[in-house]
mmCIF file of all heavy atoms, coordinates in Angstrom:
data_MODEL
# 
_entry.id   MODEL 
# 
loop_
_atom_site.group_PDB 
_atom_site.id 
_atom_site.type_symbol 
_atom_site.label_atom_id 
_atom_site.label_alt_id 
_atom_site.label_comp_id 
_atom_site.label_asym_id 
_atom_site.label_entity_id 
_atom_site.label_seq_id 
_atom_site.pdbx_PDB_ins_code 
_atom_site.Cartn_x 
_atom_site.Cartn_y 
_atom_site.Cartn_z 
_atom_site.occupancy 
_atom_site.B_iso_or_equiv 
_atom_site.pdbx_formal_charge 
_atom_site.auth_seq_id 
_atom_site.auth_comp_id 
_atom_site.auth_asym_id 
_atom_site.auth_atom_id 
_atom_site.pdbx_PDB_model_num 
ATOM 1   N N   . ALA A 1 1  ? 79.078 94.587 72.665 1.00 0.00 ? 1  ALA A N   1 
ATOM 2   C CA  . ALA A 1 1  ? 79.999 93.771 73.452 1.00 0.00 ? 1  ALA A CA  1 
ATOM 3   C C   . ALA A 1 1  ? 80.527 92.623 72.601 1.00 0.00 ? 1  ALA A C   1 
ATOM 4   O O   . ALA A 1 1  ? 79.835 92.113 71.724 1.00 0.00 ? 1  ALA A O   1 
ATOM 5   C CB  . ALA A 1 1  ? 79.279 93.218 74.682 1.00 0.00 ? 1  ALA A CB  1 
ATOM 6   N N   . ASP A 1 2  ? 81.767 92.212 72.885 1.00 0.00 ? 2  ASP A N   1 
ATOM 7   C CA  . ASP A 1 2  ? 82.320 91.086 72.129 1.00 0.00 ? 2  ASP A CA  1 
ATOM 8   C C   . ASP A 1 2  ? 81.963 89.769 72.818 1.00 0.00 ? 2  ASP A C   1 
ATOM 9   O O   . ASP A 1 2  ? 81.415 89.742 73.919 1.00 0.00 ? 2  ASP A O   1 
ATOM 10  C CB  . ASP A 1 2  ? 83.831 91.234 71.928 1.00 0.00 ? 2  ASP A CB  1 
ATOM 11  C CG  . ASP A 1 2  ? 84.631 91.229 73.226 1.00 0.00 ? 2  ASP A CG  1 
ATOM 12  O OD1 . ASP A 1 2  ? 84.201 90.589 74.205 1.00 0.00 ? 2  ASP A OD1 1 
ATOM 13  O OD2 . ASP A 1 2  ? 85.705 91.851 73.264 1.00 0.00 ? 2  ASP A OD2 1 
ATOM 14  N N   . LYS A 1 3  ? 82.262 88.667 72.132 1.00 0.00 ? 3  LYS A N   1 
ATOM 15  C CA  . LYS A 1 3  ? 81.885 87.334 72.641 1.00 0.00 ? 3  LYS A CA  1 
ATOM 16  C C   . LYS A 1 3  ? 82.490 87.046 74.012 1.00 0.00 ? 3  LYS A C   1 
ATOM 17  O O   . LYS A 1 3  ? 81.853 86.413 74.849 1.00 0.00 ? 3  LYS A O   1 
ATOM 18  C CB  . LYS A 1 3  ? 82.274 86.249 71.638 1.00 0.00 ? 3  LYS A CB  1 
ATOM 19  C CG  . LYS A 1 3  ? 81.325 86.201 70.445 1.00 0.00 ? 3  LYS A CG  1 
ATOM 20  C CD  . LYS A 1 3  ? 81.332 84.817 69.842 1.00 0.00 ? 3  LYS A CD  1 
ATOM 21  C CE  . LYS A 1 3  ? 80.374 84.730 68.701 1.00 0.00 ? 3  LYS A CE  1 
ATOM 22  N NZ  . LYS A 1 3  ? 79.047 84.266 69.115 1.00 0.00 ? 3  LYS A NZ  1 
ATOM 23  N N   . ASP A 1 4  ? 83.726 87.513 74.257 1.00 0.00 ? 4  ASP A N   1 
ATOM 24  C CA  . ASP A 1 4  ? 84.357 87.283 75.556 1.00 0.00 ? 4  ASP A CA  1 
ATOM 25  C C   . ASP A 1 4  ? 83.575 87.965 76.678 1.00 0.00 ? 4  ASP A C   1 
ATOM 26  O O   . ASP A 1 4  ? 83.376 87.384 77.743 1.00 0.00 ? 4  ASP A O   1 
ATOM 27  C CB  . ASP A 1 4  ? 85.803 87.782 75.562 1.00 0.00 ? 4  ASP A CB  1 
ATOM 28  C CG  . ASP A 1 4  ? 86.734 86.883 74.770 1.00 0.00 ? 4  ASP A CG  1 
ATOM 29  O OD1 . ASP A 1 4  ? 86.390 85.696 74.555 1.00 0.00 ? 4  ASP A OD1 1 
ATOM 30  O OD2 . ASP A 1 4  ? 87.805 87.361 74.368 1.00 0.00 ? 4  ASP A OD2 1 
ATOM 31  N N   . GLN A 1 5  ? 83.126 89.195 76.444 1.00 0.00 ? 5  GLN A N   1 
ATOM 32  C CA  . GLN A 1 5  ? 82.344 89.905 77.447 1.00 0.00 ? 5  GLN A CA  1 
ATOM 33  C C   . GLN A 1 5  ? 81.030 89.176 77.726 1.00 0.00 ? 5  GLN A C   1 
ATOM 34  O O   . GLN A 1 5  ? 80.616 89.049 78.884 1.00 0.00 ? 5  GLN A O   1 
ATOM 35  C CB  . GLN A 1 5  ? 82.047 91.333 76.989 1.00 0.00 ? 5  GLN A CB  1 
ATOM 36  C CG  . GLN A 1 5  ? 83.254 92.245 76.973 1.00 0.00 ? 5  GLN A CG  1 
ATOM 37  C CD  . GLN A 1 5  ? 82.917 93.571 76.338 1.00 0.00 ? 5  GLN A CD  1 
ATOM 38  O OE1 . GLN A 1 5  ? 82.583 93.628 75.160 1.00 0.00 ? 5  GLN A OE1 1 
ATOM 39  N NE2 . GLN A 1 5  ? 82.985 94.636 77.123 1.00 0.00 ? 5  GLN A NE2 1 
ATOM 40  N N   . ILE A 1 6  ? 80.395 88.689 76.668 1.00 0.00 ? 6  ILE A N   1 
ATOM 41  C CA  . ILE A 1 6  ? 79.131 87.966 76.829 1.00 0.00 ? 6  ILE A CA  1 
ATOM 42  C C   . ILE A 1 6  ? 79.351 86.701 77.654 1.00 0.00 ? 6  ILE A C   1 
ATOM 43  O O   . ILE A 1 6  ? 78.602 86.415 78.593 1.00 0.00 ? 6  ILE A O   1 
ATOM 44  C CB  . ILE A 1 6  ? 78.518 87.611 75.452 1.00 0.00 ? 6  ILE A CB  1 
ATOM 45  C CG1 . ILE A 1 6  ? 78.195 88.867 74.651 1.00 0.00 ? 6  ILE A CG1 1 
ATOM 46  C CG2 . ILE A 1 6  ? 77.296 86.715 75.601 1.00 0.00 ? 6  ILE A CG2 1 
ATOM 47  C CD1 . ILE A 1 6  ? 77.149 89.749 75.270 1.00 0.00 ? 6  ILE A CD1 1 
ATOM 48  N N   . GLN A 1 7  ? 80.387 85.949 77.324 1.00 0.00 ? 7  GLN A N   1 
ATOM 49  C CA  . GLN A 1 7  ? 80.633 84.696 78.038 1.00 0.00 ? 7  GLN A CA  1 
ATOM 50  C C   . GLN A 1 7  ? 81.027 84.933 79.488 1.00 0.00 ? 7  GLN A C   1 
ATOM 51  O O   . GLN A 1 7  ? 80.686 84.138 80.369 1.00 0.00 ? 7  GLN A O   1 
ATOM 52  C CB  . GLN A 1 7  ? 81.665 83.847 77.295 1.00 0.00 ? 7  GLN A CB  1 
ATOM 53  C CG  . GLN A 1 7  ? 81.159 83.346 75.941 1.00 0.00 ? 7  GLN A CG  1 
ATOM 54  C CD  . GLN A 1 7  ? 79.767 82.748 75.994 1.00 0.00 ? 7  GLN A CD  1 
ATOM 55  O OE1 . GLN A 1 7  ? 79.447 81.906 76.816 1.00 0.00 ? 7  GLN A OE1 1 
ATOM 56  N NE2 . GLN A 1 7  ? 78.885 83.214 75.098 1.00 0.00 ? 7  GLN A NE2 1 
ATOM 57  N N   . LYS A 1 8  ? 81.718 86.035 79.777 1.00 0.00 ? 8  LYS A N   1 
ATOM 58  C CA  . LYS A 1 8  ? 82.041 86.370 81.168 1.00 0.00 ? 8  LYS A CA  1 
ATOM 59  C C   . LYS A 1 8  ? 80.762 86.641 81.955 1.00 0.00 ? 8  LYS A C   1 
ATOM 60  O O   . LYS A 1 8  ? 80.628 86.203 83.097 1.00 0.00 ? 8  LYS A O   1 
ATOM 61  C CB  . LYS A 1 8  ? 82.963 87.589 81.222 1.00 0.00 ? 8  LYS A CB  1 
ATOM 62  C CG  . LYS A 1 8  ? 84.390 87.267 80.865 1.00 0.00 ? 8  LYS A CG  1 
ATOM 63  C CD  . LYS A 1 8  ? 85.260 88.509 80.884 1.00 0.00 ? 8  LYS A CD  1 
ATOM 64  C CE  . LYS A 1 8  ? 86.639 88.144 80.364 1.00 0.00 ? 8  LYS A CE  1 
ATOM 65  N NZ  . LYS A 1 8  ? 87.477 89.333 80.151 1.00 0.00 ? 8  LYS A NZ  1 
ATOM 66  N N   . MET A 1 9  ? 79.816 87.349 81.346 1.00 0.00 ? 9  MET A N   1 
ATOM 67  C CA  . MET A 1 9  ? 78.547 87.619 82.024 1.00 0.00 ? 9  MET A CA  1 
ATOM 68  C C   . MET A 1 9  ? 77.746 86.336 82.224 1.00 0.00 ? 9  MET A C   1 
ATOM 69  O O   . MET A 1 9  ? 77.097 86.170 83.259 1.00 0.00 ? 9  MET A O   1 
ATOM 70  C CB  . MET A 1 9  ? 77.726 88.654 81.248 1.00 0.00 ? 9  MET A CB  1 
ATOM 71  C CG  . MET A 1 9  ? 78.244 90.069 81.390 1.00 0.00 ? 9  MET A CG  1 
ATOM 72  S SD  . MET A 1 9  ? 78.448 90.620 83.096 1.00 0.00 ? 9  MET A SD  1 
ATOM 73  C CE  . MET A 1 9  ? 76.778 90.568 83.700 1.00 0.00 ? 9  MET A CE  1 
ATOM 74  N N   . VAL A 1 10 ? 77.803 85.443 81.264 1.00 0.00 ? 10 VAL A N   1 
ATOM 75  C CA  . VAL A 1 10 ? 77.122 84.151 81.422 1.00 0.00 ? 10 VAL A CA  1 
ATOM 76  C C   . VAL A 1 10 ? 77.688 83.431 82.639 1.00 0.00 ? 10 VAL A C   1 
ATOM 77  O O   . VAL A 1 10 ? 76.937 82.912 83.478 1.00 0.00 ? 10 VAL A O   1 
ATOM 78  C CB  . VAL A 1 10 ? 77.255 83.290 80.140 1.00 0.00 ? 10 VAL A CB  1 
ATOM 79  C CG1 . VAL A 1 10 ? 76.888 81.835 80.407 1.00 0.00 ? 10 VAL A CG1 1 
ATOM 80  C CG2 . VAL A 1 10 ? 76.394 83.854 79.018 1.00 0.00 ? 10 VAL A CG2 1 
ATOM 81  N N   . ARG A 1 11 ? 79.018 83.414 82.785 1.00 0.00 ? 11 ARG A N   1 
ATOM 82  C CA  . ARG A 1 11 ? 79.644 82.735 83.933 1.00 0.00 ? 11 ARG A CA  1 
ATOM 83  C C   . ARG A 1 11 ? 79.302 83.424 85.258 1.00 0.00 ? 11 ARG A C   1 
ATOM 84  O O   . ARG A 1 11 ? 79.152 82.763 86.281 1.00 0.00 ? 11 ARG A O   1 
ATOM 85  C CB  . ARG A 1 11 ? 81.155 82.660 83.738 1.00 0.00 ? 11 ARG A CB  1 
ATOM 86  C CG  . ARG A 1 11 ? 81.562 81.605 82.717 1.00 0.00 ? 11 ARG A CG  1 
ATOM 87  C CD  . ARG A 1 11 ? 83.063 81.345 82.719 1.00 0.00 ? 11 ARG A CD  1 
ATOM 88  N NE  . ARG A 1 11 ? 83.843 82.484 82.282 1.00 0.00 ? 11 ARG A NE  1 
ATOM 89  C CZ  . ARG A 1 11 ? 84.088 82.802 81.003 1.00 0.00 ? 11 ARG A CZ  1 
ATOM 90  N NH1 . ARG A 1 11 ? 83.601 82.050 80.047 1.00 0.00 ? 11 ARG A NH1 1 
ATOM 91  N NH2 . ARG A 1 11 ? 84.813 83.844 80.699 1.00 0.00 ? 11 ARG A NH2 1 
ATOM 92  N N   . ILE A 1 12 ? 79.174 84.756 85.236 1.00 0.00 ? 12 ILE A N   1 
ATOM 93  C CA  . ILE A 1 12 ? 78.821 85.490 86.458 1.00 0.00 ? 12 ILE A CA  1 
ATOM 94  C C   . ILE A 1 12 ? 77.368 85.221 86.841 1.00 0.00 ? 12 ILE A C   1 
ATOM 95  O O   . ILE A 1 12 ? 77.058 84.952 88.005 1.00 0.00 ? 12 ILE A O   1 
ATOM 96  C CB  . ILE A 1 12 ? 79.059 87.007 86.272 1.00 0.00 ? 12 ILE A CB  1 
ATOM 97  C CG1 . ILE A 1 12 ? 80.565 87.290 86.221 1.00 0.00 ? 12 ILE A CG1 1 
ATOM 98  C CG2 . ILE A 1 12 ? 78.391 87.818 87.380 1.00 0.00 ? 12 ILE A CG2 1 
ATOM 99  C CD1 . ILE A 1 12 ? 80.916 88.696 85.753 1.00 0.00 ? 12 ILE A CD1 1 
ATOM 100 N N   . LEU A 1 13 ? 76.467 85.300 85.860 1.00 0.00 ? 13 LEU A N   1 
ATOM 101 C CA  . LEU A 1 13 ? 75.036 85.155 86.142 1.00 0.00 ? 13 LEU A CA  1 
ATOM 102 C C   . LEU A 1 13 ? 74.619 83.707 86.383 1.00 0.00 ? 13 LEU A C   1 
ATOM 103 O O   . LEU A 1 13 ? 73.679 83.455 87.137 1.00 0.00 ? 13 LEU A O   1 
ATOM 104 C CB  . LEU A 1 13 ? 74.216 85.750 84.994 1.00 0.00 ? 13 LEU A CB  1 
ATOM 105 C CG  . LEU A 1 13 ? 74.345 87.263 84.816 1.00 0.00 ? 13 LEU A CG  1 
ATOM 106 C CD1 . LEU A 1 13 ? 73.676 87.706 83.526 1.00 0.00 ? 13 LEU A CD1 1 
ATOM 107 C CD2 . LEU A 1 13 ? 73.756 87.991 86.012 1.00 0.00 ? 13 LEU A CD2 1 
ATOM 108 N N   . LEU A 1 14 ? 75.293 82.777 85.722 1.00 0.00 ? 14 LEU A N   1 
ATOM 109 C CA  . LEU A 1 14 ? 74.964 81.350 85.874 1.00 0.00 ? 14 LEU A CA  1 
ATOM 110 C C   . LEU A 1 14 ? 76.252 80.546 86.064 1.00 0.00 ? 14 LEU A C   1 
ATOM 111 O O   . LEU A 1 14 ? 76.718 79.855 85.150 1.00 0.00 ? 14 LEU A O   1 
ATOM 112 C CB  . LEU A 1 14 ? 74.221 80.838 84.639 1.00 0.00 ? 14 LEU A CB  1 
ATOM 113 C CG  . LEU A 1 14 ? 72.792 81.310 84.442 1.00 0.00 ? 14 LEU A CG  1 
ATOM 114 C CD1 . LEU A 1 14 ? 72.237 80.798 83.117 1.00 0.00 ? 14 LEU A CD1 1 
ATOM 115 C CD2 . LEU A 1 14 ? 71.910 80.870 85.588 1.00 0.00 ? 14 LEU A CD2 1 
ATOM 116 N N   . PRO A 1 15 ? 76.835 80.599 87.255 1.00 0.00 ? 15 PRO A N   1 
ATOM 117 C CA  . PRO A 1 15 ? 78.107 79.898 87.467 1.00 0.00 ? 15 PRO A CA  1 
ATOM 118 C C   . PRO A 1 15 ? 78.028 78.388 87.231 1.00 0.00 ? 15 PRO A C   1 
ATOM 119 O O   . PRO A 1 15 ? 79.040 77.761 86.904 1.00 0.00 ? 15 PRO A O   1 
ATOM 120 C CB  . PRO A 1 15 ? 78.459 80.196 88.924 1.00 0.00 ? 15 PRO A CB  1 
ATOM 121 C CG  . PRO A 1 15 ? 77.478 81.182 89.415 1.00 0.00 ? 15 PRO A CG  1 
ATOM 122 C CD  . PRO A 1 15 ? 76.382 81.323 88.421 1.00 0.00 ? 15 PRO A CD  1 
ATOM 123 N N   . ALA A 1 16 ? 76.837 77.799 87.346 1.00 0.00 ? 16 ALA A N   1 
ATOM 124 C CA  . ALA A 1 16 ? 76.693 76.351 87.125 1.00 0.00 ? 16 ALA A CA  1 
ATOM 125 C C   . ALA A 1 16 ? 76.786 75.989 85.650 1.00 0.00 ? 16 ALA A C   1 
ATOM 126 O O   . ALA A 1 16 ? 77.042 74.839 85.307 1.00 0.00 ? 16 ALA A O   1 
ATOM 127 C CB  . ALA A 1 16 ? 75.365 75.853 87.695 1.00 0.00 ? 16 ALA A CB  1 
ATOM 128 N N   . ALA A 1 17 ? 76.586 76.972 84.779 1.00 0.00 ? 17 ALA A N   1 
ATOM 129 C CA  . ALA A 1 17 ? 76.664 76.709 83.330 1.00 0.00 ? 17 ALA A CA  1 
ATOM 130 C C   . ALA A 1 17 ? 78.127 76.587 82.933 1.00 0.00 ? 17 ALA A C   1 
ATOM 131 O O   . ALA A 1 17 ? 78.967 77.374 83.361 1.00 0.00 ? 17 ALA A O   1 
ATOM 132 C CB  . ALA A 1 17 ? 75.990 77.834 82.550 1.00 0.00 ? 17 ALA A CB  1 
ATOM 133 N N   . ASP A 1 18 ? 78.408 75.602 82.123 1.00 0.00 ? 18 ASP A N   1 
ATOM 134 C CA  . ASP A 1 18 ? 79.776 75.398 81.631 1.00 0.00 ? 18 ASP A CA  1 
ATOM 135 C C   . ASP A 1 18 ? 79.692 75.055 80.146 1.00 0.00 ? 18 ASP A C   1 
ATOM 136 O O   . ASP A 1 18 ? 79.846 73.887 79.764 1.00 0.00 ? 18 ASP A O   1 
ATOM 137 C CB  . ASP A 1 18 ? 80.451 74.278 82.413 1.00 0.00 ? 18 ASP A CB  1 
ATOM 138 C CG  . ASP A 1 18 ? 81.906 74.085 82.012 1.00 0.00 ? 18 ASP A CG  1 
ATOM 139 O OD1 . ASP A 1 18 ? 82.518 75.033 81.474 1.00 0.00 ? 18 ASP A OD1 1 
ATOM 140 O OD2 . ASP A 1 18 ? 82.419 72.968 82.227 1.00 0.00 ? 18 ASP A OD2 1 
ATOM 141 N N   . PRO A 1 19 ? 79.416 76.065 79.297 1.00 0.00 ? 19 PRO A N   1 
ATOM 142 C CA  . PRO A 1 19 ? 79.234 75.769 77.878 1.00 0.00 ? 19 PRO A CA  1 
ATOM 143 C C   . PRO A 1 19 ? 80.487 75.164 77.259 1.00 0.00 ? 19 PRO A C   1 
ATOM 144 O O   . PRO A 1 19 ? 81.596 75.613 77.524 1.00 0.00 ? 19 PRO A O   1 
ATOM 145 C CB  . PRO A 1 19 ? 78.906 77.131 77.266 1.00 0.00 ? 19 PRO A CB  1 
ATOM 146 C CG  . PRO A 1 19 ? 79.316 78.140 78.269 1.00 0.00 ? 19 PRO A CG  1 
ATOM 147 C CD  . PRO A 1 19 ? 79.315 77.483 79.609 1.00 0.00 ? 19 PRO A CD  1 
ATOM 148 N N   . LYS A 1 20 ? 80.272 74.142 76.447 1.00 0.00 ? 20 LYS A N   1 
ATOM 149 C CA  . LYS A 1 20 ? 81.374 73.436 75.785 1.00 0.00 ? 20 LYS A CA  1 
ATOM 150 C C   . LYS A 1 20 ? 81.667 73.982 74.393 1.00 0.00 ? 20 LYS A C   1 
ATOM 151 O O   . LYS A 1 20 ? 82.625 73.563 73.761 1.00 0.00 ? 20 LYS A O   1 
ATOM 152 C CB  . LYS A 1 20 ? 81.045 71.942 75.675 1.00 0.00 ? 20 LYS A CB  1 
ATOM 153 C CG  . LYS A 1 20 ? 80.668 71.289 76.981 1.00 0.00 ? 20 LYS A CG  1 
ATOM 154 C CD  . LYS A 1 20 ? 81.855 71.179 77.909 1.00 0.00 ? 20 LYS A CD  1 
ATOM 155 C CE  . LYS A 1 20 ? 81.533 70.365 79.133 1.00 0.00 ? 20 LYS A CE  1 
ATOM 156 N NZ  . LYS A 1 20 ? 81.147 71.112 80.305 1.00 0.00 ? 20 LYS A NZ  1 
ATOM 157 N N   . SER A 1 21 ? 80.808 74.893 73.906 1.00 0.00 ? 21 SER A N   1 
ATOM 158 C CA  . SER A 1 21 ? 81.018 75.457 72.575 1.00 0.00 ? 21 SER A CA  1 
ATOM 159 C C   . SER A 1 21 ? 80.454 76.870 72.545 1.00 0.00 ? 21 SER A C   1 
ATOM 160 O O   . SER A 1 21 ? 79.601 77.219 73.371 1.00 0.00 ? 21 SER A O   1 
ATOM 161 C CB  . SER A 1 21 ? 80.328 74.603 71.511 1.00 0.00 ? 21 SER A CB  1 
ATOM 162 O OG  . SER A 1 21 ? 78.928 74.801 71.572 1.00 0.00 ? 21 SER A OG  1 
ATOM 163 N N   . PRO A 1 22 ? 80.894 77.677 71.589 1.00 0.00 ? 22 PRO A N   1 
ATOM 164 C CA  . PRO A 1 22 ? 80.339 79.029 71.457 1.00 0.00 ? 22 PRO A CA  1 
ATOM 165 C C   . PRO A 1 22 ? 78.825 79.014 71.204 1.00 0.00 ? 22 PRO A C   1 
ATOM 166 O O   . PRO A 1 22 ? 78.114 79.889 71.705 1.00 0.00 ? 22 PRO A O   1 
ATOM 167 C CB  . PRO A 1 22 ? 81.084 79.615 70.258 1.00 0.00 ? 22 PRO A CB  1 
ATOM 168 C CG  . PRO A 1 22 ? 82.345 78.835 70.163 1.00 0.00 ? 22 PRO A CG  1 
ATOM 169 C CD  . PRO A 1 22 ? 82.005 77.458 70.662 1.00 0.00 ? 22 PRO A CD  1 
ATOM 170 N N   . ASP A 1 23 ? 78.333 78.035 70.461 1.00 0.00 ? 23 ASP A N   1 
ATOM 171 C CA  . ASP A 1 23 ? 76.894 77.972 70.162 1.00 0.00 ? 23 ASP A CA  1 
ATOM 172 C C   . ASP A 1 23 ? 76.088 77.720 71.433 1.00 0.00 ? 23 ASP A C   1 
ATOM 173 O O   . ASP A 1 23 ? 75.030 78.320 71.638 1.00 0.00 ? 23 ASP A O   1 
ATOM 174 C CB  . ASP A 1 23 ? 76.620 76.875 69.133 1.00 0.00 ? 23 ASP A CB  1 
ATOM 175 C CG  . ASP A 1 23 ? 77.439 77.069 67.875 1.00 0.00 ? 23 ASP A CG  1 
ATOM 176 O OD1 . ASP A 1 23 ? 77.163 78.027 67.141 1.00 0.00 ? 23 ASP A OD1 1 
ATOM 177 O OD2 . ASP A 1 23 ? 78.378 76.284 67.655 1.00 0.00 ? 23 ASP A OD2 1 
ATOM 178 N N   . GLU A 1 24 ? 76.587 76.856 72.274 1.00 0.00 ? 24 GLU A N   1 
ATOM 179 C CA  . GLU A 1 24 ? 75.927 76.569 73.552 1.00 0.00 ? 24 GLU A CA  1 
ATOM 180 C C   . GLU A 1 24 ? 75.971 77.809 74.448 1.00 0.00 ? 24 GLU A C   1 
ATOM 181 O O   . GLU A 1 24 ? 74.973 78.184 75.073 1.00 0.00 ? 24 GLU A O   1 
ATOM 182 C CB  . GLU A 1 24 ? 76.626 75.385 74.214 1.00 0.00 ? 24 GLU A CB  1 
ATOM 183 C CG  . GLU A 1 24 ? 75.969 74.866 75.448 1.00 0.00 ? 24 GLU A CG  1 
ATOM 184 C CD  . GLU A 1 24 ? 76.669 73.629 76.010 1.00 0.00 ? 24 GLU A CD  1 
ATOM 185 O OE1 . GLU A 1 24 ? 77.522 73.023 75.322 1.00 0.00 ? 24 GLU A OE1 1 
ATOM 186 O OE2 . GLU A 1 24 ? 76.354 73.284 77.153 1.00 0.00 ? 24 GLU A OE2 1 
# 
């Protein structure tokens, strides 16, 4: 999976998370 797919899953699984950088 590419980084966009990973970050979409992060937002789905943890909607309260709002990472400010790719490392976060």
